[in-house]
Amino acid sequence: MAVPAAAAASSPSEVAPAPSPPSAPVPAAARPNFLVIVADDLGWSDLGAFGGEIATPNLDRLALGGLRLTGFHTAPTCSPTRSMLLSGTDNHLAGLGNMAELTAPNQKDHAGYEGYLRPDVATLAERLAAGGYRTLISGKWHLGLRPEQDPHARGFQYSYALLQGASNHFGLDQATDPAKGSVYTRDGKVLPALEPGFYSSDSFAANLIYELHRSRRDTPDKPFFALLTFTAPHWPMQAPDEDIARQRGRYDAGFEAIRAARLARQEQLGLLPKGTAAHSPRAPRGGWDSLSAADKREAARTMEIYAAMVARMDANVGRVIAALRESGELDNTVIVFLADNGAEALDARTTGAKMLARYTAGADNSLGNLGKGTSYATYGPEWAQAGTAPSWLTKAYASEGGTRTVAFVNWKGLAHPGRIEGAYVGVADIAPTLLDYAGIPATGTSFEGRTVLPVTGRSAKAWLQGRAGSVHGADEPLGTELFGSRSLRKGDWKVTDIGDGQWRLFDIAHDPGETRDLSDTYPQKRDELAADWDAYARANNVILPDQAPYRP
């Protein structure tokens, strides 16, 4: 089915600016709409409102007018995060204890490691649909490839989905068989082809606008839950030529200069206390000054493409916001924006050579072709660590660089719009929060006649309304694990194991960059949190992998 011409792509310059106490039941007429936007591998400091130099006016406007969450955390990679977003529970229980394509041999065939969203999860979409919402998704799914795992079968009444976790942004790898390429479905049916002029961010925004129109026509009296999941700026680094041209020359100063400028800007914006220590980045090539002139040109170009992808995504968010404003639905819409994990440090030439070989083997990665659909490049660990600054490491690690992600909420009912809040909030808290706003129970282990996993996240509604001082208690252990990298947060204390089997203790309130290991000073606290992690692992059926094929 074609997308209406009015939803055709436009360039950025043409886009309109676009544990809490239970709440009282919400009257149906007063229930808000929900728009959840997920960016893929976006760095914590990439948006202007979070210290970046990339032009993101639409997202900045929403972030600055809402509540910026500097303590928001996800899983270290995408599909585990998405499973928690939709289930409200831990990824090891929801079926994504590891990513399907990276499951270790000793994890295979164990409950919680199916590689898709388990059927005993009542998804946020299912719960909201049963509660009288129209439910929509447009974009990346990455929670199962089979028909019964399609978003249309998991509660989304209107769906346009890329089933896999990544694809060519110009659609050149589109197929009808997941073994042969990227599969797209609409309302559960595999699409034989993509629309002419396809570019991922344009298509996902246009199709969400289309679904909003279609669902409003079908059920005009129902509020909506819309999930917009971009694949930008996930590799491959690809963007329209005109967008890349707008970024030319902006990254010639190199990794270190951009990282330093972002850190300074974060202090100016109040995102970081002045004098915050940033973790030293890994520099496998020795830093910018160690690169040859040719390597500098290539590195600057890949970051120009990345910035173009982020700017294009922002422009498409603007299109969606403009459509909601035109329909009169914007003022009654809770908007949640997040990245699914820290910035991606995988390097197609080194740490990702084996994983990406089937894509890069036939790609034209000459300088003049970078960014086109026939190229297949990554931007590497140095730029990624500019994106995660001041934090330690990147995507795939349970350090702050892998799990603390950019996030904000925009809603007329916020107690303190325009503020920055550093309290710990997790991705599993989103489902119970939205259900709380909708007046739909998030308790129990039964849903529509089937036994389901309990929602273990906490509603943040009372905190957002200024009726609670935090979402999680200071004594509540909050664990994470992926690829053998582990962490546990308890109040301001955190233990982190980056995958080498060593626990390190940090005071996150005073050291968000995880720069000072306090294990020798407070060994009992380290041991206490390590024991808490063991309890978390037992409760959530965590199986540490016997190998970790993904270690960027």
Protein backbone atom coordinates (compact mmCIF):
# COMPACT_ATOMS: atom_id res chain seq x y z
CA MET A 1 0.00 0.00 0.00
CA ALA A 2 1.49 3.32 -1.02
CA VAL A 3 2.08 6.14 1.39
CA PRO A 4 0.08 9.31 0.63
CA ALA A 5 1.94 11.86 -1.46
CA ALA A 6 1.60 14.39 1.33
CA ALA A 7 3.90 12.22 3.39
CA ALA A 8 6.72 12.26 0.82
CA ALA A 9 10.23 13.01 2.07
CA SER A 10 11.46 16.57 2.42
CA SER A 11 14.85 17.97 3.31
CA PRO A 12 15.61 19.31 6.80
CA SER A 13 15.45 22.91 5.60
CA GLU A 14 11.89 22.35 4.37
CA VAL A 15 10.51 20.76 7.51
CA ALA A 16 8.16 22.73 9.74
CA PRO A 17 9.46 23.35 13.29
CA ALA A 18 8.12 21.28 14.38
CA PRO A 19 7.93 3.03 43.57
CA SER A 20 5.36 5.50 43.07
CA PRO A 21 1.97 5.63 44.76
CA PRO A 22 -0.89 4.42 42.54
CA SER A 23 -2.78 7.13 40.71
CA ALA A 24 -6.51 7.63 40.65
CA PRO A 25 -8.41 6.10 37.70
CA VAL A 26 -8.24 8.26 34.58
CA PRO A 27 -11.54 9.10 32.84
CA ALA A 28 -11.53 7.83 29.26
CA ALA A 29 -12.15 11.29 27.84
CA ALA A 30 -9.12 12.69 29.64
CA ARG A 31 -6.64 9.98 28.72
CA PRO A 32 -3.57 11.23 26.90
CA ASN A 33 -2.03 10.04 23.68
CA PHE A 34 1.47 8.54 23.80
CA LEU A 35 4.26 9.02 21.29
CA VAL A 36 7.45 7.09 22.07
CA ILE A 37 10.39 7.83 19.77
CA VAL A 38 13.46 5.59 19.79
CA ALA A 39 16.73 6.53 18.10
CA ASP A 40 19.16 3.73 17.25
CA ASP A 41 22.72 4.04 18.65
CA LEU A 42 22.40 7.80 19.20
CA GLY A 43 25.12 9.18 21.47
CA TRP A 44 24.28 10.82 24.79
CA SER A 45 25.73 14.17 23.68
CA ASP A 46 24.62 14.19 20.02
CA LEU A 47 21.56 16.43 20.37
CA GLY A 48 21.99 20.17 20.80
CA ALA A 49 19.97 20.09 24.02
CA PHE A 50 22.49 17.58 25.39
CA GLY A 51 25.64 19.42 24.35
CA GLY A 52 26.11 18.47 20.73
CA GLU A 53 26.90 20.60 17.69
CA ILE A 54 24.54 18.77 15.29
CA ALA A 55 21.53 20.86 14.26
CA THR A 56 18.55 19.15 15.93
CA PRO A 57 16.03 21.99 16.39
CA ASN A 58 12.91 19.84 16.61
CA LEU A 59 14.20 17.48 19.26
CA ASP A 60 15.87 20.36 21.09
CA ARG A 61 12.58 22.24 21.26
CA LEU A 62 10.84 19.22 22.78
CA ALA A 63 13.71 18.48 25.18
CA LEU A 64 14.14 22.05 26.40
CA GLY A 65 10.39 22.43 26.86
CA GLY A 66 10.13 19.13 28.69
CA LEU A 67 12.18 17.24 31.24
CA ARG A 68 15.70 16.09 30.30
CA LEU A 69 16.54 12.83 32.03
CA THR A 70 20.26 12.63 32.70
CA GLY A 71 19.89 9.44 34.76
CA PHE A 72 17.99 7.38 32.17
CA HIS A 73 19.34 3.86 31.54
CA THR A 74 18.76 1.06 29.05
CA ALA A 75 20.32 -2.31 28.26
CA PRO A 76 23.72 -2.16 26.53
CA THR A 77 22.24 -2.99 23.09
CA CYS A 78 19.07 -2.59 21.09
CA SER A 79 16.79 -5.66 21.15
CA PRO A 80 17.22 -6.26 24.91
CA THR A 81 16.26 -2.61 25.46
CA ARG A 82 13.24 -2.91 23.19
CA SER A 83 12.09 -6.02 25.02
CA MET A 84 12.13 -4.11 28.32
CA LEU A 85 10.41 -1.10 26.77
CA LEU A 86 7.46 -3.21 25.64
CA SER A 87 7.36 -5.70 28.53
CA GLY A 88 8.16 -3.56 31.56
CA THR A 89 10.34 -6.37 32.85
CA ASP A 90 13.93 -7.60 32.61
CA ASN A 91 15.20 -8.63 29.18
CA HIS A 92 16.50 -11.97 30.53
CA LEU A 93 12.92 -12.92 31.35
CA ALA A 94 11.29 -11.37 28.29
CA GLY A 95 13.25 -13.50 25.81
CA LEU A 96 16.20 -11.26 24.98
CA GLY A 97 18.77 -12.36 27.53
CA ASN A 98 21.06 -11.98 24.56
CA MET A 99 20.58 -10.72 21.03
CA ALA A 100 19.32 -13.55 18.81
CA GLU A 101 22.24 -13.27 16.40
CA LEU A 102 24.85 -13.23 19.21
CA THR A 103 23.54 -15.85 21.63
CA ALA A 104 26.43 -17.80 23.15
CA PRO A 105 26.49 -21.62 22.85
CA ASN A 106 25.84 -22.14 26.57
CA GLN A 107 22.80 -19.83 26.44
CA LYS A 108 21.01 -21.54 23.56
CA ASP A 109 17.76 -23.37 24.31
CA HIS A 110 17.44 -21.79 27.75
CA ALA A 111 14.32 -19.90 28.81
CA GLY A 112 14.81 -16.18 28.40
CA TYR A 113 17.29 -16.59 25.54
CA GLU A 114 14.85 -17.31 22.74
CA GLY A 115 15.97 -14.23 20.79
CA TYR A 116 12.44 -12.93 20.37
CA LEU A 117 9.80 -11.41 22.61
CA ARG A 118 8.29 -14.32 24.50
CA PRO A 119 4.56 -15.06 24.15
CA ASP A 120 4.13 -14.85 27.93
CA VAL A 121 4.84 -11.12 27.71
CA ALA A 122 1.76 -8.93 27.59
CA THR A 123 3.22 -6.08 25.56
CA LEU A 124 2.55 -2.44 26.26
CA ALA A 125 0.68 -2.32 22.95
CA GLU A 126 -1.50 -5.29 23.90
CA ARG A 127 -2.36 -3.79 27.27
CA LEU A 128 -3.15 -0.37 25.81
CA ALA A 129 -5.19 -1.85 22.95
CA ALA A 130 -7.24 -3.85 25.43
CA GLY A 131 -7.72 -0.66 27.41
CA GLY A 132 -9.21 1.26 24.48
CA TYR A 133 -6.19 2.72 22.68
CA ARG A 134 -5.37 2.57 18.99
CA THR A 135 -1.83 1.22 18.73
CA LEU A 136 0.68 2.01 15.99
CA ILE A 137 4.31 1.29 15.20
CA SER A 138 6.53 2.46 12.39
CA GLY A 139 10.20 1.50 12.15
CA LYS A 140 12.59 -1.07 13.54
CA TRP A 141 11.18 -4.09 15.39
CA HIS A 142 14.07 -6.53 16.09
CA LEU A 143 11.96 -8.66 18.44
CA GLY A 144 11.22 -11.63 16.20
CA LEU A 145 11.04 -12.61 12.53
CA ARG A 146 8.17 -15.11 12.41
CA PRO A 147 4.56 -14.08 11.64
CA GLU A 148 3.45 -14.75 15.21
CA GLN A 149 6.29 -12.50 16.41
CA ASP A 150 5.43 -9.60 14.08
CA PRO A 151 4.39 -6.37 15.82
CA HIS A 152 0.93 -6.76 14.28
CA ALA A 153 0.61 -10.02 16.23
CA ARG A 154 1.91 -8.42 19.43
CA GLY A 155 -0.69 -5.73 19.94
CA PHE A 156 0.01 -3.13 17.25
CA GLN A 157 -3.18 -2.70 15.25
CA TYR A 158 -1.38 -0.60 12.64
CA SER A 159 2.20 -1.48 11.81
CA TYR A 160 4.94 -0.72 9.32
CA ALA A 161 8.04 -2.56 10.45
CA LEU A 162 11.58 -3.50 9.59
CA LEU A 163 11.83 -6.91 11.23
CA GLN A 164 15.62 -7.04 11.60
CA GLY A 165 17.95 -4.90 13.67
CA ALA A 166 19.69 -3.00 10.88
CA SER A 167 19.40 -2.46 7.15
CA ASN A 168 20.59 -0.41 4.22
CA HIS A 169 19.10 3.04 4.82
CA PHE A 170 18.25 3.39 1.12
CA GLY A 171 16.49 0.02 1.09
CA LEU A 172 18.93 -1.67 -1.28
CA ASP A 173 18.93 -4.89 0.76
CA GLN A 174 15.13 -5.26 0.92
CA ALA A 175 13.88 -8.84 0.53
CA THR A 176 10.86 -10.99 1.30
CA ASP A 177 12.91 -13.68 3.05
CA PRO A 178 14.88 -12.71 6.19
CA ALA A 179 17.65 -15.11 5.13
CA LYS A 180 18.19 -13.02 2.00
CA GLY A 181 17.84 -9.45 3.21
CA SER A 182 15.85 -6.93 5.21
CA VAL A 183 12.15 -7.71 5.51
CA TYR A 184 9.48 -5.04 5.91
CA THR A 185 5.88 -5.76 6.84
CA ARG A 186 2.68 -3.75 6.96
CA ASP A 187 -0.01 -4.99 9.34
CA GLY A 188 1.75 -8.36 9.46
CA LYS A 189 2.05 -8.87 5.70
CA VAL A 190 5.47 -8.94 4.03
CA LEU A 191 5.94 -6.06 1.60
CA PRO A 192 7.14 -7.14 -1.87
CA ALA A 193 8.86 -3.78 -2.46
CA LEU A 194 9.53 -0.42 -0.85
CA GLU A 195 8.27 2.94 -2.05
CA PRO A 196 10.34 4.83 -4.65
CA GLY A 197 12.96 7.12 -3.14
CA PHE A 198 13.06 5.16 0.11
CA TYR A 199 15.25 6.48 2.91
CA SER A 200 14.74 4.93 6.33
CA SER A 201 14.01 7.98 8.49
CA ASP A 202 11.77 9.54 5.84
CA SER A 203 9.83 6.34 5.37
CA PHE A 204 9.34 5.61 9.06
CA ALA A 205 8.06 9.11 9.77
CA ALA A 206 5.85 9.19 6.68
CA ASN A 207 4.31 5.84 7.49
CA LEU A 208 3.62 6.82 11.09
CA ILE A 209 1.84 9.95 9.87
CA TYR A 210 -0.11 7.75 7.48
CA GLU A 211 -1.04 5.36 10.30
CA LEU A 212 -2.11 8.25 12.52
CA HIS A 213 -4.47 9.45 9.78
CA ARG A 214 -5.75 5.94 9.05
CA SER A 215 -6.32 4.98 12.67
CA ARG A 216 -7.99 8.30 13.46
CA ARG A 217 -10.36 7.74 10.55
CA ASP A 218 -11.17 4.20 11.75
CA THR A 219 -11.57 4.97 15.47
CA PRO A 220 -11.75 8.75 15.94
CA ASP A 221 -12.74 8.59 19.60
CA LYS A 222 -9.78 6.52 20.79
CA PRO A 223 -6.50 7.96 22.07
CA PHE A 224 -3.35 6.58 20.44
CA PHE A 225 -0.11 4.91 21.42
CA ALA A 226 2.45 5.42 18.65
CA LEU A 227 5.93 3.91 18.64
CA LEU A 228 8.35 5.50 16.15
CA THR A 229 11.59 3.54 15.99
CA PHE A 230 14.27 4.95 13.71
CA THR A 231 17.24 2.93 12.50
CA ALA A 232 19.28 6.14 12.36
CA PRO A 233 22.06 6.65 13.16
CA HIS A 234 22.89 2.91 13.30
CA TRP A 235 25.48 1.71 10.78
CA PRO A 236 25.84 1.69 7.84
CA MET A 237 26.65 5.41 7.73
CA GLN A 238 24.37 6.51 4.88
CA ALA A 239 22.48 9.75 4.19
CA PRO A 240 21.20 11.80 1.26
CA ASP A 241 23.92 13.79 -0.51
CA GLU A 242 22.39 17.16 0.29
CA ASP A 243 22.34 16.40 4.01
CA ILE A 244 25.97 15.30 4.01
CA ALA A 245 26.94 18.45 2.14
CA ARG A 246 25.56 20.57 5.00
CA GLN A 247 28.07 18.96 7.38
CA ARG A 248 31.21 19.41 5.27
CA GLY A 249 34.23 20.62 7.20
CA ARG A 250 32.55 20.54 10.61
CA TYR A 251 34.60 17.61 11.88
CA ASP A 252 38.02 18.42 10.48
CA ALA A 253 39.25 19.36 13.97
CA GLY A 254 39.03 15.72 15.03
CA PHE A 255 37.70 13.48 17.78
CA GLU A 256 39.31 15.12 20.78
CA ALA A 257 38.27 18.65 19.85
CA ILE A 258 34.62 17.67 19.35
CA ARG A 259 34.59 15.69 22.60
CA ALA A 260 36.09 18.59 24.56
CA ALA A 261 33.61 21.06 23.07
CA ARG A 262 30.70 18.82 23.96
CA LEU A 263 31.87 18.38 27.54
CA ALA A 264 32.23 22.14 27.94
CA ARG A 265 28.76 22.67 26.51
CA GLN A 266 27.25 20.06 28.87
CA GLU A 267 28.63 22.01 31.82
CA GLN A 268 27.23 25.26 30.40
CA LEU A 269 23.80 23.67 29.99
CA GLY A 270 23.83 22.29 33.52
CA LEU A 271 23.84 18.68 32.34
CA LEU A 272 27.10 18.09 34.22
CA PRO A 273 28.39 19.73 37.40
CA LYS A 274 31.33 21.97 36.68
CA GLY A 275 34.61 20.12 36.95
CA THR A 276 33.09 16.69 36.26
CA ALA A 277 35.85 14.21 35.42
CA ALA A 278 35.35 12.54 32.06
CA HIS A 279 36.58 9.03 31.52
CA SER A 280 39.63 8.75 29.26
CA PRO A 281 38.54 7.36 25.88
CA ARG A 282 40.04 4.32 24.23
CA ALA A 283 42.13 5.46 21.29
CA PRO A 284 43.10 2.35 19.30
CA ARG A 285 44.66 4.47 16.56
CA GLY A 286 46.48 6.79 18.92
CA GLY A 287 44.28 9.88 18.57
CA TRP A 288 43.62 12.38 15.80
CA ASP A 289 47.18 13.64 15.46
CA SER A 290 48.40 10.08 14.93
CA LEU A 291 46.27 9.64 11.79
CA SER A 292 47.53 10.14 8.28
CA ALA A 293 46.00 12.92 6.21
CA ALA A 294 43.98 10.35 4.25
CA ASP A 295 42.69 8.71 7.44
CA LYS A 296 41.69 12.10 8.81
CA ARG A 297 39.69 12.86 5.66
CA GLU A 298 37.92 9.52 5.88
CA ALA A 299 37.23 9.83 9.61
CA ALA A 300 35.86 13.36 9.20
CA ARG A 301 33.65 12.19 6.33
CA THR A 302 32.13 9.32 8.32
CA MET A 303 31.25 11.74 11.12
CA GLU A 304 29.76 14.16 8.59
CA ILE A 305 27.52 11.33 7.38
CA TYR A 306 26.60 10.40 10.94
CA ALA A 307 25.67 14.01 11.72
CA ALA A 308 23.61 14.13 8.52
CA MET A 309 21.71 11.04 9.66
CA VAL A 310 20.96 12.61 13.04
CA ALA A 311 19.84 15.88 11.44
CA ARG A 312 17.60 14.03 8.99
CA MET A 313 16.05 12.05 11.84
CA ASP A 314 15.38 15.30 13.69
CA ALA A 315 13.71 16.78 10.61
CA ASN A 316 11.41 13.77 10.41
CA VAL A 317 10.49 14.11 14.07
CA GLY A 318 9.51 17.64 13.13
CA ARG A 319 7.21 16.28 10.43
CA VAL A 320 5.44 14.01 12.90
CA ILE A 321 5.04 16.80 15.45
CA ALA A 322 3.67 19.11 12.75
CA ALA A 323 1.13 16.45 11.76
CA LEU A 324 -0.03 16.08 15.37
CA ARG A 325 -0.27 19.83 15.74
CA GLU A 326 -2.38 20.04 12.57
CA SER A 327 -4.71 17.28 13.77
CA GLY A 328 -5.15 18.96 17.15
CA GLU A 329 -3.74 15.95 19.03
CA LEU A 330 -0.35 17.35 20.05
CA ASP A 331 -1.45 19.15 23.21
CA ASN A 332 -2.81 15.92 24.67
CA THR A 333 0.22 13.79 23.79
CA VAL A 334 2.88 12.52 26.19
CA ILE A 335 6.13 12.39 24.19
CA VAL A 336 8.98 10.16 25.35
CA PHE A 337 12.28 10.20 23.46
CA LEU A 338 15.20 7.84 24.09
CA ALA A 339 18.17 6.16 22.49
CA ASP A 340 18.21 2.39 22.78
CA ASN A 341 21.80 2.17 24.05
CA GLY A 342 25.09 4.06 24.01
CA ALA A 343 26.87 5.09 20.83
CA GLU A 344 28.21 2.27 18.63
CA ALA A 345 32.01 1.84 18.65
CA LEU A 346 32.16 -1.14 16.30
CA ASP A 347 34.78 -0.60 13.58
CA ALA A 348 34.09 -2.37 10.28
CA ARG A 349 37.82 -2.69 9.63
CA THR A 350 38.85 -4.13 13.01
CA THR A 351 36.45 -5.12 15.82
CA GLY A 352 33.56 -5.52 13.37
CA ALA A 353 35.47 -6.99 10.43
CA LYS A 354 34.11 -10.51 10.89
CA MET A 355 30.57 -9.51 11.85
CA LEU A 356 30.15 -7.08 8.94
CA ALA A 357 32.21 -8.92 6.30
CA ARG A 358 29.19 -10.01 4.26
CA TYR A 359 28.14 -6.35 3.92
CA THR A 360 31.50 -4.69 3.42
CA ALA A 361 32.92 -7.21 0.97
CA GLY A 362 31.00 -5.78 -1.97
CA ALA A 363 30.75 -2.18 -0.76
CA ASP A 364 32.36 0.84 -2.39
CA ASN A 365 33.88 2.68 0.55
CA SER A 366 35.97 5.07 -1.48
CA LEU A 367 35.93 8.60 -0.06
CA GLY A 368 33.71 9.98 -2.81
CA ASN A 369 31.16 7.20 -2.38
CA LEU A 370 30.92 7.14 1.42
CA GLY A 371 27.37 7.79 2.54
CA LYS A 372 25.71 6.42 -0.57
CA GLY A 373 23.61 3.27 -0.57
CA THR A 374 26.44 1.26 -2.12
CA SER A 375 28.83 2.08 0.74
CA TYR A 376 28.93 0.33 4.11
CA ALA A 377 30.95 2.17 6.74
CA THR A 378 31.02 2.67 10.50
CA TYR A 379 32.37 5.75 12.28
CA GLY A 380 34.46 3.94 14.87
CA PRO A 381 35.24 4.10 18.59
CA GLU A 382 36.77 7.57 18.70
CA TRP A 383 33.67 9.38 17.44
CA ALA A 384 31.46 7.06 19.52
CA GLN A 385 33.28 8.13 22.68
CA ALA A 386 32.72 11.75 21.78
CA GLY A 387 29.04 10.75 21.73
CA THR A 388 29.10 9.04 25.12
CA ALA A 389 31.26 11.68 26.88
CA PRO A 390 31.81 11.95 29.84
CA SER A 391 30.96 8.28 30.31
CA TRP A 392 33.07 5.14 30.20
CA LEU A 393 33.00 3.11 26.98
CA THR A 394 30.11 2.60 24.58
CA LYS A 395 27.34 0.32 23.38
CA ALA A 396 27.72 -3.36 24.41
CA TYR A 397 29.14 -2.53 27.85
CA ALA A 398 27.26 -2.25 31.16
CA SER A 399 29.29 0.86 31.96
CA GLU A 400 27.57 4.25 31.86
CA GLY A 401 28.71 4.76 28.27
CA GLY A 402 26.74 1.71 27.19
CA THR A 403 23.60 2.16 29.28
CA ARG A 404 23.11 5.84 30.13
CA THR A 405 21.32 7.23 27.11
CA VAL A 406 19.83 10.47 25.95
CA ALA A 407 16.18 10.74 27.00
CA PHE A 408 13.49 13.31 27.72
CA VAL A 409 9.76 13.60 28.36
CA ASN A 410 7.56 16.37 26.99
CA TRP A 411 4.04 16.71 28.37
CA LYS A 412 1.81 19.52 29.58
CA GLY A 413 1.32 17.72 32.90
CA LEU A 414 4.98 17.83 33.99
CA ALA A 415 5.56 19.45 37.36
CA HIS A 416 8.77 21.16 36.27
CA PRO A 417 9.02 21.60 32.49
CA GLY A 418 12.35 22.92 31.31
CA ARG A 419 14.30 21.24 34.10
CA ILE A 420 17.06 18.65 34.13
CA GLU A 421 16.54 15.64 36.41
CA GLY A 422 19.28 13.16 37.30
CA ALA A 423 17.30 10.51 39.19
CA TYR A 424 17.72 6.94 37.99
CA VAL A 425 14.99 5.91 35.54
CA GLY A 426 15.10 2.68 33.52
CA VAL A 427 13.64 1.71 30.18
CA ALA A 428 11.46 -0.90 31.93
CA ASP A 429 9.76 1.99 33.77
CA ILE A 430 8.23 3.36 30.56
CA ALA A 431 5.48 0.72 30.22
CA PRO A 432 4.11 1.04 33.77
CA THR A 433 4.35 4.83 33.53
CA LEU A 434 2.26 5.04 30.36
CA LEU A 435 -0.21 2.50 31.70
CA ASP A 436 -0.51 4.62 34.84
CA TYR A 437 -1.28 7.72 32.77
CA ALA A 438 -3.85 5.71 30.82
CA GLY A 439 -5.49 4.39 33.99
CA ILE A 440 -4.81 0.78 32.99
CA PRO A 441 -3.58 -1.68 35.64
CA ALA A 442 -0.01 -2.94 35.25
CA THR A 443 -0.26 -5.57 37.98
CA GLY A 444 -0.92 -9.29 38.06
CA THR A 445 0.20 -12.29 36.01
CA SER A 446 -2.91 -12.83 33.93
CA PHE A 447 -3.88 -11.02 30.74
CA GLU A 448 -6.85 -11.91 28.53
CA GLY A 449 -6.86 -15.52 29.67
CA ARG A 450 -3.15 -16.23 29.50
CA THR A 451 -0.45 -16.28 32.16
CA VAL A 452 2.07 -13.48 31.65
CA LEU A 453 5.22 -12.12 33.22
CA PRO A 454 4.64 -9.47 35.88
CA VAL A 455 5.59 -5.87 35.15
CA THR A 456 8.56 -5.14 37.40
CA GLY A 457 9.37 -1.60 36.28
CA ARG A 458 8.06 1.32 38.34
CA SER A 459 5.66 4.03 37.27
CA ALA A 460 7.33 7.43 37.11
CA LYS A 461 4.03 9.32 36.94
CA ALA A 462 4.08 10.58 40.54
CA TRP A 463 7.71 11.67 40.12
CA LEU A 464 6.93 13.47 36.87
CA GLN A 465 4.05 15.23 38.58
CA GLY A 466 6.22 16.30 41.52
CA ARG A 467 4.45 14.03 44.03
CA ALA A 468 7.46 11.75 44.62
CA GLY A 469 11.16 12.44 45.05
CA SER A 470 12.35 9.52 42.93
CA VAL A 471 11.22 6.56 40.86
CA HIS A 472 13.41 3.97 42.59
CA GLY A 473 14.35 3.74 46.24
CA ALA A 474 17.94 4.24 47.39
CA ASP A 475 18.09 0.63 48.62
CA GLU A 476 16.60 -0.95 45.49
CA PRO A 477 19.14 -3.08 43.55
CA LEU A 478 18.94 -2.57 39.77
CA GLY A 479 20.96 -5.05 37.74
CA THR A 480 22.12 -5.30 34.12
CA GLU A 481 24.03 -7.85 32.04
CA LEU A 482 24.88 -8.43 28.40
CA PHE A 483 27.78 -10.27 26.75
CA GLY A 484 29.18 -10.92 30.22
CA SER A 485 29.48 -7.22 31.02
CA ARG A 486 27.56 -6.59 34.25
CA SER A 487 26.53 -3.80 36.56
CA LEU A 488 24.32 -3.13 39.53
CA ARG A 489 23.06 0.21 40.72
CA LYS A 490 21.87 0.86 44.27
CA GLY A 491 21.13 4.48 44.98
CA ASP A 492 24.21 6.44 43.98
CA TRP A 493 26.50 3.41 44.25
CA LYS A 494 27.32 1.22 41.28
CA VAL A 495 29.50 -1.81 40.61
CA THR A 496 30.63 -2.31 37.02
CA ASP A 497 32.28 -5.26 35.29
CA ILE A 498 33.12 -4.46 31.66
CA GLY A 499 33.45 -8.15 30.86
CA ASP A 500 36.83 -8.90 32.37
CA GLY A 501 35.33 -10.43 35.53
CA GLN A 502 36.47 -7.57 37.79
CA TRP A 503 34.01 -5.56 39.86
CA ARG A 504 34.78 -1.85 40.21
CA LEU A 505 32.89 0.41 42.61
CA PHE A 506 31.78 3.93 41.73
CA ASP A 507 29.89 6.80 43.35
CA ILE A 508 27.85 7.81 40.31
CA ALA A 509 26.47 10.99 41.89
CA HIS A 510 29.98 12.44 42.19
CA ASP A 511 31.68 10.47 39.42
CA PRO A 512 29.31 9.89 36.49
CA GLY A 513 32.29 9.14 34.26
CA GLU A 514 33.24 6.10 36.36
CA THR A 515 36.80 7.41 36.66
CA ARG A 516 37.59 6.53 40.30
CA ASP A 517 37.32 2.91 41.43
CA LEU A 518 36.49 3.03 45.15
CA SER A 519 36.80 -0.70 45.77
CA ASP A 520 39.85 -0.38 47.98
CA THR A 521 38.26 2.43 49.99
CA TYR A 522 34.88 0.75 50.45
CA PRO A 523 35.43 -3.01 49.94
CA GLN A 524 32.34 -3.92 51.97
CA LYS A 525 30.15 -1.77 49.74
CA ARG A 526 31.63 -3.39 46.64
CA ASP A 527 30.98 -6.84 48.06
CA GLU A 528 27.44 -5.87 49.08
CA LEU A 529 26.57 -4.76 45.56
CA ALA A 530 28.30 -7.78 44.03
CA ALA A 531 26.13 -10.02 46.23
CA ASP A 532 23.08 -8.01 45.15
CA TRP A 533 24.03 -8.67 41.53
CA ASP A 534 24.23 -12.40 42.22
CA ALA A 535 20.71 -12.26 43.66
CA TYR A 536 19.52 -10.29 40.62
CA ALA A 537 21.07 -12.89 38.31
CA ARG A 538 19.34 -15.76 40.11
CA ALA A 539 15.97 -14.00 40.08
CA ASN A 540 16.20 -13.21 36.36
CA ASN A 541 17.78 -16.45 35.10
CA VAL A 542 20.95 -14.73 33.89
CA ILE A 543 23.40 -17.10 32.19
CA LEU A 544 26.83 -15.57 31.71
CA PRO A 545 28.04 -16.38 28.19
CA ASP A 546 30.95 -18.72 27.58
CA GLN A 547 32.06 -16.45 24.74
CA ALA A 548 31.43 -12.85 23.73
CA PRO A 549 31.59 -12.40 19.95
CA TYR A 550 30.68 -8.71 20.14
CA ARG A 551 33.21 -6.61 22.02
CA PRO A 552 33.75 -3.29 20.23
